[in-house]
């Protein structure tokens, strides 16, 4: 038997995933959702007769053997992360939704990375073409006829937006093209202009998905419908009057009321029985006796504490020990590799955690611990114990922060790329702050000139008026002459009668210098520099990016002076 392909719709938030599915299914999804954003994972079976009706002549004369399409709707791309099965991803094919007017966004790239990771074939729905300035809609024509009937400027605008997206996708390693310009579907990704509002392009989108699934996936869709079922948990939730229920996608075999099932967990597998099978119809649950793959269904079963989204579920009426071992192997295959040191990674589901840690590893960010659920006191303790300050951080995907710890940085987001970007920026800022703090503790390179007529005291100590040519002059700065001869150090700095610790370039101040006499060691008009040891010079050179350009120039001048007496100095 050939089962229906599982189709997941992914993309950046508010790019129209649910609205497209709404048109495909012919039901209202977004109207009942808070803020028009899908809040839970749902699945929708669309029979082939309905698809053929929608597509009209587009599927005429094509031999279609798949019984329909099982669409999954998800909040953002999170569900896609949950839908992992052994050896790949639950979805057979995907629709990546991109708002043609906004282009490729953070979550778009994240979805692309996950699609590539699981090697899931996909097409691109370029949604909201009706919002292109000057666009004229006609529901009685196909999308290509509609494009041809637009004004020249609107067509040019469409092509410009399309090729901007094409270029951005190319940067992420994808070869894509408008669906009617594709030369090789095995190498190029089809982009279909659509509007979820006017329904333009929806028949073409359905035709592309059906055609690709039929041509390239048919052999992988063969199942034995009477075999014991294999499924993935999408969500665990509480239903009034029913108790804890599991939203699952059955991707092989069958499941029926009364079946014994085994559920994978982070600990020992759960063995329980199906108390009820339900299919959500509107806001009600319709009880059913059995289903076969591929199908989305809600299960009621006792003692399912520990069940998590993304975990495998198997019907286990027989060969229970073999099934338990199979589950353990499957769960172990996604156990996260961790390091002896690094950040703490947290996520809402196993699949999400796998996606987060995978992308962290790509960025060479070490992970000390990775776990599911909200942040605990133990997580704070583990993070706080890190010697490296940049590792004292918890990165959380799709979880809540219930308490805080001033010694640990928490970075939370519903977009993995944003978590990584925020962490890298925080780490960069923290490193810079620490380096600046270190810079404050060391002598800065400075160049000063003794002003004419400003010898206020010749000795014990010598008090002079100086101009700060470049750099930062601090008290305790050792100084030398332009010929490299050492003089003394700056004992104090005074500006307008007030003692100060340091002064930047461009200022005229009075300085006191012990152990010298004006007119002997120094004279009016002399240029003086910071006296640096070779190790001090190397330290400053290593922190060059924190110095001002004028300080870098002074450092170079000091190196030239020093090399006159030591040719290897400062190299």
Protein backbone atom coordinates (compact mmCIF):
# COMPACT_ATOMS: atom_id res chain seq x y z
CA UNK A 1 0.00 0.00 0.00
CA UNK A 2 1.20 3.52 -0.77
CA UNK A 3 0.65 5.96 2.09
CA UNK A 4 0.13 9.67 1.71
CA UNK A 5 3.30 11.80 1.90
CA UNK A 6 3.79 13.91 5.03
CA UNK A 7 4.17 17.59 4.13
CA UNK A 8 5.44 20.19 6.60
CA UNK A 9 5.01 23.92 6.00
CA UNK A 10 7.84 25.98 7.50
CA UNK A 11 9.10 29.52 7.31
CA UNK A 12 9.59 32.81 9.12
CA UNK A 13 6.85 33.96 11.48
CA UNK A 14 3.93 35.76 9.80
CA UNK A 15 5.03 34.80 6.28
CA UNK A 16 1.71 33.00 5.78
CA UNK A 17 2.23 29.30 6.57
CA UNK A 18 -1.16 28.77 8.21
CA UNK A 19 -2.96 30.99 5.69
CA UNK A 20 -1.63 28.86 2.81
CA UNK A 21 -2.74 25.69 4.58
CA UNK A 22 -6.11 27.33 5.24
CA UNK A 23 -6.64 27.72 1.50
CA UNK A 24 -5.44 24.18 0.82
CA UNK A 25 -7.69 22.62 3.41
CA UNK A 26 -10.55 25.04 2.92
CA UNK A 27 -10.94 25.54 6.66
CA UNK A 28 -10.26 28.48 8.93
CA UNK A 29 -7.15 28.05 11.03
CA UNK A 30 -5.77 31.49 11.76
CA UNK A 31 -9.05 33.17 12.74
CA UNK A 32 -9.30 31.17 15.95
CA UNK A 33 -5.68 31.63 16.94
CA UNK A 34 -4.33 34.29 19.26
CA UNK A 35 -2.96 37.16 17.21
CA UNK A 36 -3.41 35.15 14.02
CA UNK A 37 -0.36 33.01 14.88
CA UNK A 38 -0.64 29.22 15.18
CA UNK A 39 -0.23 28.23 18.83
CA UNK A 40 -0.18 24.43 18.56
CA UNK A 41 0.81 21.67 16.17
CA UNK A 42 -1.94 20.34 13.94
CA UNK A 43 -2.18 17.92 11.06
CA UNK A 44 -4.61 17.98 8.15
CA UNK A 45 -5.40 15.16 5.75
CA UNK A 46 -6.19 16.30 2.22
CA UNK A 47 -7.53 13.58 -0.06
CA UNK A 48 -6.33 13.29 -3.64
CA UNK A 49 -9.83 13.88 -5.06
CA UNK A 50 -9.87 17.28 -3.32
CA UNK A 51 -6.37 18.08 -4.58
CA UNK A 52 -7.32 17.15 -8.15
CA UNK A 53 -10.43 19.32 -7.84
CA UNK A 54 -8.31 22.28 -6.72
CA UNK A 55 -5.66 21.77 -9.39
CA UNK A 56 -8.08 21.24 -12.29
CA UNK A 57 -6.31 20.78 -15.62
CA UNK A 58 -2.86 21.08 -14.01
CA UNK A 59 -2.96 17.41 -12.91
CA UNK A 60 -4.93 16.20 -15.92
CA UNK A 61 -3.46 13.13 -17.70
CA UNK A 62 -1.01 12.52 -14.81
CA UNK A 63 -1.05 9.07 -13.21
CA UNK A 64 -1.35 9.72 -9.49
CA UNK A 65 -1.19 6.75 -7.10
CA UNK A 66 -0.61 8.55 -3.78
CA UNK A 67 -3.91 8.73 -1.82
CA UNK A 68 -3.50 12.34 -0.73
CA UNK A 69 -1.26 14.59 1.35
CA UNK A 70 -0.91 14.87 5.12
CA UNK A 71 -0.11 18.51 5.95
CA UNK A 72 1.40 19.58 9.24
CA UNK A 73 0.94 23.10 10.52
CA UNK A 74 3.33 24.33 13.17
CA UNK A 75 4.25 27.33 15.31
CA UNK A 76 7.14 28.81 13.35
CA UNK A 77 9.52 25.99 12.56
CA UNK A 78 9.54 24.38 16.00
CA UNK A 79 7.44 21.40 14.97
CA UNK A 80 9.86 20.56 12.21
CA UNK A 81 12.55 20.16 14.87
CA UNK A 82 10.26 17.80 16.78
CA UNK A 83 9.57 15.58 13.80
CA UNK A 84 12.69 13.48 13.73
CA UNK A 85 12.58 9.74 13.30
CA UNK A 86 15.42 7.28 13.16
CA UNK A 87 17.50 7.85 10.04
CA UNK A 88 16.04 11.20 9.07
CA UNK A 89 13.04 13.45 9.38
CA UNK A 90 9.39 12.58 9.63
CA UNK A 91 8.40 14.94 6.82
CA UNK A 92 8.69 13.48 3.33
CA UNK A 93 8.58 16.86 1.64
CA UNK A 94 8.34 20.47 2.79
CA UNK A 95 6.99 23.85 1.70
CA UNK A 96 9.26 26.73 2.68
CA UNK A 97 7.14 29.88 2.86
CA UNK A 98 8.79 33.23 2.10
CA UNK A 99 7.03 36.59 2.03
CA UNK A 100 8.11 37.81 -1.42
CA UNK A 101 8.02 41.42 -0.17
CA UNK A 102 10.21 40.80 2.90
CA UNK A 103 12.53 38.14 1.52
CA UNK A 104 14.78 35.73 3.41
CA UNK A 105 14.69 36.25 7.21
CA UNK A 106 16.42 34.67 10.23
CA UNK A 107 13.93 31.84 10.63
CA UNK A 108 13.98 31.25 6.86
CA UNK A 109 17.71 30.52 7.03
CA UNK A 110 17.20 28.37 10.10
CA UNK A 111 14.55 26.31 8.29
CA UNK A 112 16.88 25.92 5.30
CA UNK A 113 19.66 24.62 7.56
CA UNK A 114 17.33 22.04 9.12
CA UNK A 115 15.94 21.00 5.72
CA UNK A 116 19.51 20.52 4.47
CA UNK A 117 20.49 18.67 7.65
CA UNK A 118 17.70 16.12 7.19
CA UNK A 119 18.00 16.12 3.37
CA UNK A 120 14.28 16.84 3.08
CA UNK A 121 13.17 17.83 -0.45
CA UNK A 122 11.17 21.05 -0.58
CA UNK A 123 9.61 23.71 -2.75
CA UNK A 124 9.33 27.43 -1.99
CA UNK A 125 6.03 29.30 -1.80
CA UNK A 126 6.69 32.99 -2.51
CA UNK A 127 3.66 34.28 -0.65
CA UNK A 128 1.84 37.64 -0.68
CA UNK A 129 2.27 38.47 -4.38
CA UNK A 130 -1.05 40.33 -4.11
CA UNK A 131 0.77 42.98 -2.03
CA UNK A 132 3.21 43.84 -4.83
CA UNK A 133 2.35 47.44 -5.86
CA UNK A 134 -0.02 47.50 -8.84
CA UNK A 135 -0.85 43.76 -8.66
CA UNK A 136 -4.20 42.87 -10.25
CA UNK A 137 -5.71 39.55 -9.16
CA UNK A 138 -7.84 37.23 -11.26
CA UNK A 139 -9.05 34.00 -9.61
CA UNK A 140 -10.19 32.60 -12.95
CA UNK A 141 -6.66 32.42 -14.39
CA UNK A 142 -3.58 30.46 -13.39
CA UNK A 143 -0.63 32.27 -11.82
CA UNK A 144 1.43 32.41 -15.03
CA UNK A 145 -1.48 33.98 -16.94
CA UNK A 146 -1.93 36.47 -14.10
CA UNK A 147 1.76 37.39 -14.17
CA UNK A 148 1.61 37.87 -17.95
CA UNK A 149 -1.38 40.20 -17.56
CA UNK A 150 0.30 42.50 -15.03
CA UNK A 151 1.71 45.87 -16.05
CA UNK A 152 5.33 45.95 -17.18
CA UNK A 153 6.43 47.72 -13.99
CA UNK A 154 4.62 45.16 -11.75
CA UNK A 155 6.22 42.25 -13.64
CA UNK A 156 9.63 43.92 -13.30
CA UNK A 157 9.02 44.41 -9.57
CA UNK A 158 8.01 40.74 -9.20
CA UNK A 159 11.14 39.56 -11.01
CA UNK A 160 13.35 41.89 -8.97
CA UNK A 161 11.96 40.57 -5.68
CA UNK A 162 12.17 36.99 -6.92
CA UNK A 163 15.81 37.29 -7.98
CA UNK A 164 16.80 39.06 -4.77
CA UNK A 165 15.47 36.01 -2.91
CA UNK A 166 17.16 33.68 -5.42
CA UNK A 167 20.48 35.44 -4.75
CA UNK A 168 20.06 35.19 -0.98
CA UNK A 169 19.25 31.50 -1.28
CA UNK A 170 22.35 31.01 -3.44
CA UNK A 171 24.42 32.49 -0.59
CA UNK A 172 23.04 29.65 1.54
CA UNK A 173 23.99 27.01 -1.01
CA UNK A 174 20.65 26.63 -2.80
CA UNK A 175 20.09 26.63 -6.56
CA UNK A 176 16.50 27.85 -7.06
CA UNK A 177 14.35 29.22 -9.89
CA UNK A 178 10.74 30.09 -10.68
CA UNK A 179 8.87 26.81 -11.18
CA UNK A 180 8.14 27.33 -14.88
CA UNK A 181 11.82 28.06 -15.60
CA UNK A 182 13.23 24.93 -13.92
CA UNK A 183 15.40 22.75 -16.16
CA UNK A 184 16.22 19.96 -13.66
CA UNK A 185 14.00 19.29 -10.65
CA UNK A 186 16.67 17.09 -9.07
CA UNK A 187 19.11 19.99 -8.89
CA UNK A 188 16.97 23.13 -8.69
CA UNK A 189 14.38 24.15 -6.09
CA UNK A 190 11.09 25.37 -7.49
CA UNK A 191 9.75 28.76 -6.37
CA UNK A 192 6.01 29.26 -6.84
CA UNK A 193 4.54 32.79 -6.53
CA UNK A 194 1.33 32.52 -4.47
CA UNK A 195 -1.20 34.52 -2.51
CA UNK A 196 -2.91 32.92 0.46
CA UNK A 197 -5.48 35.74 0.31
CA UNK A 198 -6.55 35.51 -3.34
CA UNK A 199 -5.60 31.81 -3.75
CA UNK A 200 -3.45 32.64 -6.80
CA UNK A 201 -0.68 30.07 -7.22
CA UNK A 202 -2.19 27.63 -4.69
CA UNK A 203 -3.21 25.10 -7.43
CA UNK A 204 0.32 25.31 -8.88
CA UNK A 205 1.82 24.80 -5.42
CA UNK A 206 -0.33 21.70 -4.85
CA UNK A 207 0.54 20.42 -8.32
CA UNK A 208 4.27 20.80 -7.65
CA UNK A 209 4.09 19.01 -4.29
CA UNK A 210 1.92 16.19 -5.69
CA UNK A 211 4.02 15.77 -8.82
CA UNK A 212 7.35 15.72 -6.99
CA UNK A 213 6.05 13.31 -4.34
CA UNK A 214 4.63 11.00 -7.00
CA UNK A 215 7.76 11.01 -9.17
CA UNK A 216 10.53 10.95 -6.58
CA UNK A 217 9.01 9.59 -3.34
CA UNK A 218 6.60 6.82 -4.39
CA UNK A 219 9.03 3.98 -3.63
CA UNK A 220 9.67 5.28 -0.10
CA UNK A 221 5.92 5.56 0.65
CA UNK A 222 5.19 1.82 0.51
CA UNK A 223 3.90 0.47 3.83
CA UNK A 224 2.18 -2.63 5.21
CA UNK A 225 -0.94 -1.09 6.70
CA UNK A 226 -1.59 -4.00 9.11
CA UNK A 227 1.91 -3.85 10.65
CA UNK A 228 2.25 -2.53 14.20
CA UNK A 229 2.40 1.23 13.98
CA UNK A 230 5.36 3.58 14.29
CA UNK A 231 4.79 7.19 15.28
CA UNK A 232 6.33 10.40 16.54
CA UNK A 233 4.87 12.46 19.38
CA UNK A 234 4.33 16.05 18.28
CA UNK A 235 2.74 17.44 21.44
CA UNK A 236 1.81 16.41 24.97
CA UNK A 237 -1.19 18.28 26.34
CA UNK A 238 -4.11 18.21 28.77
CA UNK A 239 -7.64 17.84 27.37
CA UNK A 240 -10.64 18.60 29.58
CA UNK A 241 -12.50 15.40 30.41
CA UNK A 242 -9.86 13.22 28.77
CA UNK A 243 -6.66 13.96 30.71
CA UNK A 244 -3.15 13.83 29.28
CA UNK A 245 -3.18 13.27 25.53
CA UNK A 246 -0.50 12.84 22.90
CA UNK A 247 -0.71 14.36 19.43
CA UNK A 248 1.11 11.89 17.18
CA UNK A 249 1.88 11.36 13.53
CA UNK A 250 1.60 7.71 12.55
CA UNK A 251 4.07 7.26 9.69
CA UNK A 252 4.00 3.45 9.32
CA UNK A 253 1.58 0.61 10.04
CA UNK A 254 -1.60 1.00 12.10
CA UNK A 255 -2.72 1.84 15.64
CA UNK A 256 -6.06 0.97 17.26
CA UNK A 257 -7.91 1.44 20.50
CA UNK A 258 -6.66 -1.03 23.12
CA UNK A 259 -3.19 -1.46 21.56
CA UNK A 260 -0.22 -1.76 23.90
CA UNK A 261 2.29 0.98 23.10
CA UNK A 262 5.90 1.74 24.04
CA UNK A 263 7.00 5.37 24.30
CA UNK A 264 10.59 6.54 24.28
CA UNK A 265 11.70 8.89 27.09
CA UNK A 266 14.97 10.27 28.41
CA UNK A 267 14.87 7.45 30.97
CA UNK A 268 13.22 4.03 30.67
CA UNK A 269 10.58 3.58 27.90
CA UNK A 270 6.94 3.87 29.02
CA UNK A 271 4.72 0.82 28.45
CA UNK A 272 1.01 1.65 28.43
CA UNK A 273 -2.25 1.04 26.50
CA UNK A 274 -4.26 3.20 24.12
CA UNK A 275 -7.38 4.17 26.06
CA UNK A 276 -8.78 6.28 23.25
CA UNK A 277 -8.05 7.52 19.74
CA UNK A 278 -9.38 10.94 18.79
CA UNK A 279 -9.45 13.08 15.71
CA UNK A 280 -9.86 16.80 16.43
CA UNK A 281 -12.89 18.17 14.56
CA UNK A 282 -13.12 21.89 15.18
CA UNK A 283 -12.93 22.32 18.95
CA UNK A 284 -14.30 18.82 19.66
CA UNK A 285 -12.64 15.40 19.70
CA UNK A 286 -14.17 12.66 17.55
CA UNK A 287 -13.52 9.14 18.85
CA UNK A 288 -12.20 6.60 16.30
CA UNK A 289 -11.36 2.89 16.60
CA UNK A 290 -8.22 2.62 14.45
CA UNK A 291 -6.14 4.36 11.78
CA UNK A 292 -3.30 3.46 9.43
CA UNK A 293 -0.39 5.55 8.19
CA UNK A 294 0.12 8.28 7.36
CA UNK A 295 -2.22 10.02 9.75
CA UNK A 296 -2.32 12.54 12.58
CA UNK A 297 -4.25 11.42 15.64
CA UNK A 298 -4.61 12.22 19.35
CA UNK A 299 -4.06 9.40 21.85
CA UNK A 300 -5.33 9.10 25.40
CA UNK A 301 -3.31 6.70 27.55
CA UNK A 302 -2.58 6.32 31.30
CA UNK A 303 0.83 6.79 32.92
CA UNK A 304 2.49 8.83 30.17
CA UNK A 305 4.49 11.10 32.48
CA UNK A 306 7.89 11.62 30.85
CA UNK A 307 6.55 11.58 27.31
CA UNK A 308 7.96 14.49 25.31
CA UNK A 309 7.50 16.08 21.91
CA UNK A 310 9.84 14.51 19.37
CA UNK A 311 9.93 11.12 21.11
CA UNK A 312 9.19 7.87 19.23
CA UNK A 313 6.10 5.75 19.91
CA UNK A 314 5.66 2.13 18.81
CA UNK A 315 2.71 -0.24 18.91
CA UNK A 316 4.02 -3.19 20.95
CA UNK A 317 1.40 -5.94 21.23
CA UNK A 318 4.14 -8.48 20.50
CA UNK A 319 7.96 -8.65 20.70
CA UNK A 320 7.84 -6.11 23.51
CA UNK A 321 11.51 -6.53 24.50
CA UNK A 322 12.63 -6.02 20.91
CA UNK A 323 10.48 -2.87 20.65
CA UNK A 324 11.91 -1.47 23.91
CA UNK A 325 15.47 -1.98 22.62
CA UNK A 326 14.49 -0.34 19.33
CA UNK A 327 13.18 2.69 21.23
CA UNK A 328 16.30 2.95 23.38
CA UNK A 329 18.49 2.81 20.27
CA UNK A 330 16.42 5.50 18.60
CA UNK A 331 16.56 7.84 21.61
CA UNK A 332 20.28 7.21 22.09
CA UNK A 333 20.87 8.16 18.45
CA UNK A 334 19.93 11.75 19.31
CA UNK A 335 21.71 11.99 22.65
CA UNK A 336 23.68 15.21 22.55
CA UNK A 337 27.47 15.08 22.65
CA UNK A 338 28.78 17.46 25.30
CA UNK A 339 32.16 18.83 26.35
CA UNK A 340 33.87 19.12 29.74
CA UNK A 341 33.30 22.84 29.60
CA UNK A 342 31.00 25.17 27.72
CA UNK A 343 27.54 26.72 27.76
CA UNK A 344 24.29 25.18 29.01
CA UNK A 345 21.75 24.51 26.22
CA UNK A 346 18.04 24.15 27.01
CA UNK A 347 15.05 23.54 24.72
CA UNK A 348 11.40 22.53 24.88
CA UNK A 349 11.70 19.21 23.03
CA UNK A 350 14.32 16.67 22.07
CA UNK A 351 14.13 17.67 18.41
CA UNK A 352 14.48 21.36 19.24
CA UNK A 353 17.44 20.59 21.49
CA UNK A 354 19.08 18.59 18.72
CA UNK A 355 18.59 21.49 16.28
CA UNK A 356 19.99 24.01 18.80
CA UNK A 357 23.06 21.95 19.68
CA UNK A 358 23.71 21.13 16.03
CA UNK A 359 23.84 24.81 15.07
CA UNK A 360 25.89 25.67 18.17
CA UNK A 361 28.42 23.01 17.17
CA UNK A 362 28.60 24.48 13.65
CA UNK A 363 29.63 27.78 15.25
CA UNK A 364 32.26 25.93 17.35
CA UNK A 365 30.45 26.84 20.58
CA UNK A 366 31.23 24.21 23.22
CA UNK A 367 28.31 22.70 25.16
CA UNK A 368 28.77 21.52 28.73
CA UNK A 369 25.23 20.29 29.20
CA UNK A 370 22.12 20.00 27.02
CA UNK A 371 18.69 19.18 28.42
CA UNK A 372 14.95 19.57 27.88
CA UNK A 373 12.65 21.82 29.93
CA UNK A 374 12.75 25.15 31.74
CA UNK A 375 15.89 26.37 33.50
CA UNK A 376 16.48 24.81 36.93
CA UNK A 377 18.63 25.78 39.92
CA UNK A 378 20.96 22.95 38.92
CA UNK A 379 21.42 24.59 35.50
CA UNK A 380 22.39 27.87 37.19
CA UNK A 381 24.78 26.01 39.48
CA UNK A 382 26.40 24.18 36.54
CA UNK A 383 26.79 27.41 34.57
CA UNK A 384 28.16 29.33 37.57
CA UNK A 385 30.86 26.71 38.15
CA UNK A 386 32.49 27.46 34.77
CA UNK A 387 35.95 29.03 35.08
CA UNK A 388 35.63 30.85 31.76
CA UNK A 389 33.19 33.76 32.16
CA UNK A 390 32.02 33.42 28.54
CA UNK A 391 30.70 29.94 29.43
CA UNK A 392 28.65 31.15 32.40
CA UNK A 393 25.58 31.37 30.20
CA UNK A 394 22.38 29.42 29.56
CA UNK A 395 20.97 29.42 26.03
CA UNK A 396 17.24 28.65 25.94
CA UNK A 397 15.06 27.84 22.92
CA UNK A 398 11.25 28.00 23.31
CA UNK A 399 11.40 27.79 27.12
CA UNK A 400 10.44 30.09 30.00
CA UNK A 401 12.73 31.85 32.47
CA UNK A 402 11.13 31.37 35.90
CA UNK A 403 13.99 32.81 37.97
CA UNK A 404 17.26 34.67 37.51
CA UNK A 405 20.83 34.44 38.73
CA UNK A 406 23.01 37.54 38.65
CA UNK A 407 26.13 35.41 38.11
CA UNK A 408 24.78 33.65 35.03
CA UNK A 409 23.75 35.20 31.71
CA UNK A 410 20.54 33.82 30.20
CA UNK A 411 19.76 34.24 26.50
CA UNK A 412 16.28 33.14 25.41
CA UNK A 413 14.60 33.23 22.02
CA UNK A 414 12.27 31.35 19.70
CA UNK A 415 14.77 31.64 16.83
CA UNK A 416 17.92 29.56 17.17
CA UNK A 417 19.97 31.86 14.93
CA UNK A 418 19.00 34.80 17.15
CA UNK A 419 20.14 32.90 20.25
CA UNK A 420 23.51 32.25 18.64
CA UNK A 421 23.86 35.85 17.38
CA UNK A 422 22.90 37.27 20.80
CA UNK A 423 25.38 34.96 22.54
CA UNK A 424 28.20 35.86 20.18
CA UNK A 425 27.49 39.58 20.60
CA UNK A 426 27.31 39.23 24.39
CA UNK A 427 30.58 37.28 24.42
CA UNK A 428 32.24 39.88 22.18
CA UNK A 429 31.00 42.76 24.36
CA UNK A 430 32.06 40.98 27.55
CA UNK A 431 35.51 40.20 26.16
CA UNK A 432 35.92 43.80 25.04
CA UNK A 433 34.83 45.06 28.45
CA UNK A 434 37.34 42.79 30.17
CA UNK A 435 40.12 43.86 27.82
CA UNK A 436 39.28 47.52 28.38
CA UNK A 437 39.43 46.86 32.11
CA UNK A 438 42.87 45.29 31.64
CA UNK A 439 43.90 48.25 29.51
CA UNK A 440 42.98 50.58 32.35
CA UNK A 441 45.40 48.72 34.59
CA UNK A 442 48.44 49.17 32.33
CA UNK A 443 50.43 52.20 31.13
CA UNK A 444 49.10 53.60 27.86
CA UNK A 445 51.37 54.80 25.01
CA UNK A 446 51.64 58.60 25.10
CA UNK A 447 53.54 61.39 23.37
CA UNK A 448 53.88 64.78 25.12
CA UNK A 449 55.66 68.03 24.36
CA UNK A 450 57.08 70.45 26.94
CA UNK A 451 55.53 73.89 26.40
CA UNK A 452 57.69 77.01 26.04
CA UNK A 453 57.65 79.36 29.02
CA UNK A 454 55.95 76.77 31.22
CA UNK A 455 58.70 75.63 33.59
CA UNK A 456 56.95 76.25 36.91
CA UNK A 457 59.59 74.56 39.06
CA UNK A 458 63.04 73.36 38.04
CA UNK A 459 63.46 70.44 40.44
CA UNK A 460 62.41 68.55 43.60
CA UNK A 461 60.13 67.83 41.76
CA UNK A 462 60.34 69.46 38.39
CA UNK A 463 56.98 70.99 37.43
CA UNK A 464 56.33 71.60 33.75
CA UNK A 465 53.51 72.59 31.44
CA UNK A 466 53.04 69.98 28.72
CA UNK A 467 50.79 69.41 25.72
CA UNK A 468 49.41 65.87 25.20
CA UNK A 469 50.21 65.30 21.53
CA UNK A 470 48.73 61.78 21.32
CA UNK A 471 47.61 58.99 23.62
CA UNK A 472 46.66 58.96 27.29
CA UNK A 473 48.96 60.26 30.02
CA UNK A 474 48.55 58.62 33.43
CA UNK A 475 50.24 59.20 36.77
CA UNK A 476 53.09 56.73 37.37
CA UNK A 477 53.84 56.67 33.61
CA UNK A 478 57.56 56.17 33.04
CA UNK A 479 58.89 58.54 30.40
CA UNK A 480 61.86 58.78 28.00
CA UNK A 481 63.23 61.28 25.54
CA UNK A 482 62.99 60.97 21.75
CA UNK A 483 66.56 59.59 21.70
CA UNK A 484 65.53 56.70 23.96
CA UNK A 485 67.25 57.96 27.12
CA UNK A 486 65.23 57.26 30.28
CA UNK A 487 64.23 60.22 32.43
CA UNK A 488 61.87 59.51 35.31
CA UNK A 489 58.10 59.14 35.78
CA UNK A 490 55.01 61.31 36.06
CA UNK A 491 54.32 61.78 39.77
CA UNK A 492 51.19 63.91 39.42
CA UNK A 493 49.01 65.67 36.85
CA UNK A 494 47.17 68.93 37.44
CA UNK A 495 44.49 70.53 35.27
CA UNK A 496 43.12 73.97 36.20
CA UNK A 497 44.45 73.51 39.72
CA UNK A 498 42.82 70.11 40.18
CA UNK A 499 44.77 66.87 40.58
CA UNK A 500 43.76 64.21 38.09
CA UNK A 501 44.86 60.63 37.43
CA UNK A 502 44.96 60.72 33.63
CA UNK A 503 44.47 63.01 30.65
CA UNK A 504 43.79 62.40 26.96
CA UNK A 505 45.33 63.98 23.88
CA UNK A 506 44.77 67.61 22.95
CA UNK A 507 44.96 68.91 26.54
CA UNK A 508 47.57 71.19 28.20
CA UNK A 509 48.32 70.25 31.80
CA UNK A 510 50.98 70.68 34.46
CA UNK A 511 52.97 67.61 35.46
CA UNK A 512 55.42 66.97 38.27
CA UNK A 513 58.46 64.82 37.48
CA UNK A 514 60.84 63.84 40.31
CA UNK A 515 64.62 63.16 40.04
CA UNK A 516 65.27 65.60 37.15
CA UNK A 517 66.09 69.26 36.67
CA UNK A 518 64.57 71.42 33.94
CA UNK A 519 67.30 72.81 31.68
CA UNK A 520 69.50 69.73 32.22
CA UNK A 521 67.69 66.42 31.51
CA UNK A 522 64.77 68.14 29.75
CA UNK A 523 64.25 71.45 27.97
CA UNK A 524 61.35 73.48 26.61
CA UNK A 525 60.15 72.03 23.30
CA UNK A 526 61.36 68.47 24.09
CA UNK A 527 59.13 65.59 23.01
CA UNK A 528 58.74 62.80 25.56
CA UNK A 529 57.33 59.28 25.22
CA UNK A 530 56.14 56.46 27.44
CA UNK A 531 59.10 54.35 28.54
CA UNK A 532 58.09 50.73 27.87
CA UNK A 533 59.80 47.44 28.57
CA UNK A 534 59.67 44.90 25.77
CA UNK A 535 57.05 42.83 27.62
CA UNK A 536 54.90 45.94 28.18
CA UNK A 537 55.21 46.78 24.49
CA UNK A 538 54.13 43.26 23.47
CA UNK A 539 51.18 43.41 25.85
CA UNK A 540 50.01 46.68 24.33
CA UNK A 541 50.58 45.34 20.84
CA UNK A 542 48.36 42.33 21.61
CA UNK A 543 45.63 44.76 22.66
CA UNK A 544 46.12 46.98 19.62
CA UNK A 545 42.48 46.68 18.54
CA UNK A 546 41.46 48.43 21.77
CA UNK A 547 43.87 51.34 21.30
CA UNK A 548 42.98 54.51 19.45
CA UNK A 549 44.66 54.94 16.05
CA UNK A 550 46.85 57.75 17.46
CA UNK A 551 48.01 55.43 20.26
CA UNK A 552 48.95 52.79 17.71
CA UNK A 553 51.06 55.41 15.88
CA UNK A 554 52.77 56.40 19.15
CA UNK A 555 53.47 52.70 19.79
CA UNK A 556 55.14 52.45 16.38
CA UNK A 557 57.27 55.54 17.13
CA UNK A 558 58.33 54.02 20.49
CA UNK A 559 59.31 50.80 18.68
CA UNK A 560 61.47 52.80 16.22
CA UNK A 561 63.21 54.64 19.09
CA UNK A 562 63.85 51.41 20.98
CA UNK A 563 65.22 49.57 17.96
CA UNK A 564 67.99 52.15 17.63
CA UNK A 565 69.65 50.56 20.65
CA UNK A 566 68.27 47.02 20.24
CA UNK A 567 67.55 45.81 16.70
CA UNK A 568 65.39 42.89 17.94
CA UNK A 569 63.29 44.94 20.34
CA UNK A 570 59.54 44.79 19.90
CA UNK A 571 59.52 42.20 17.12
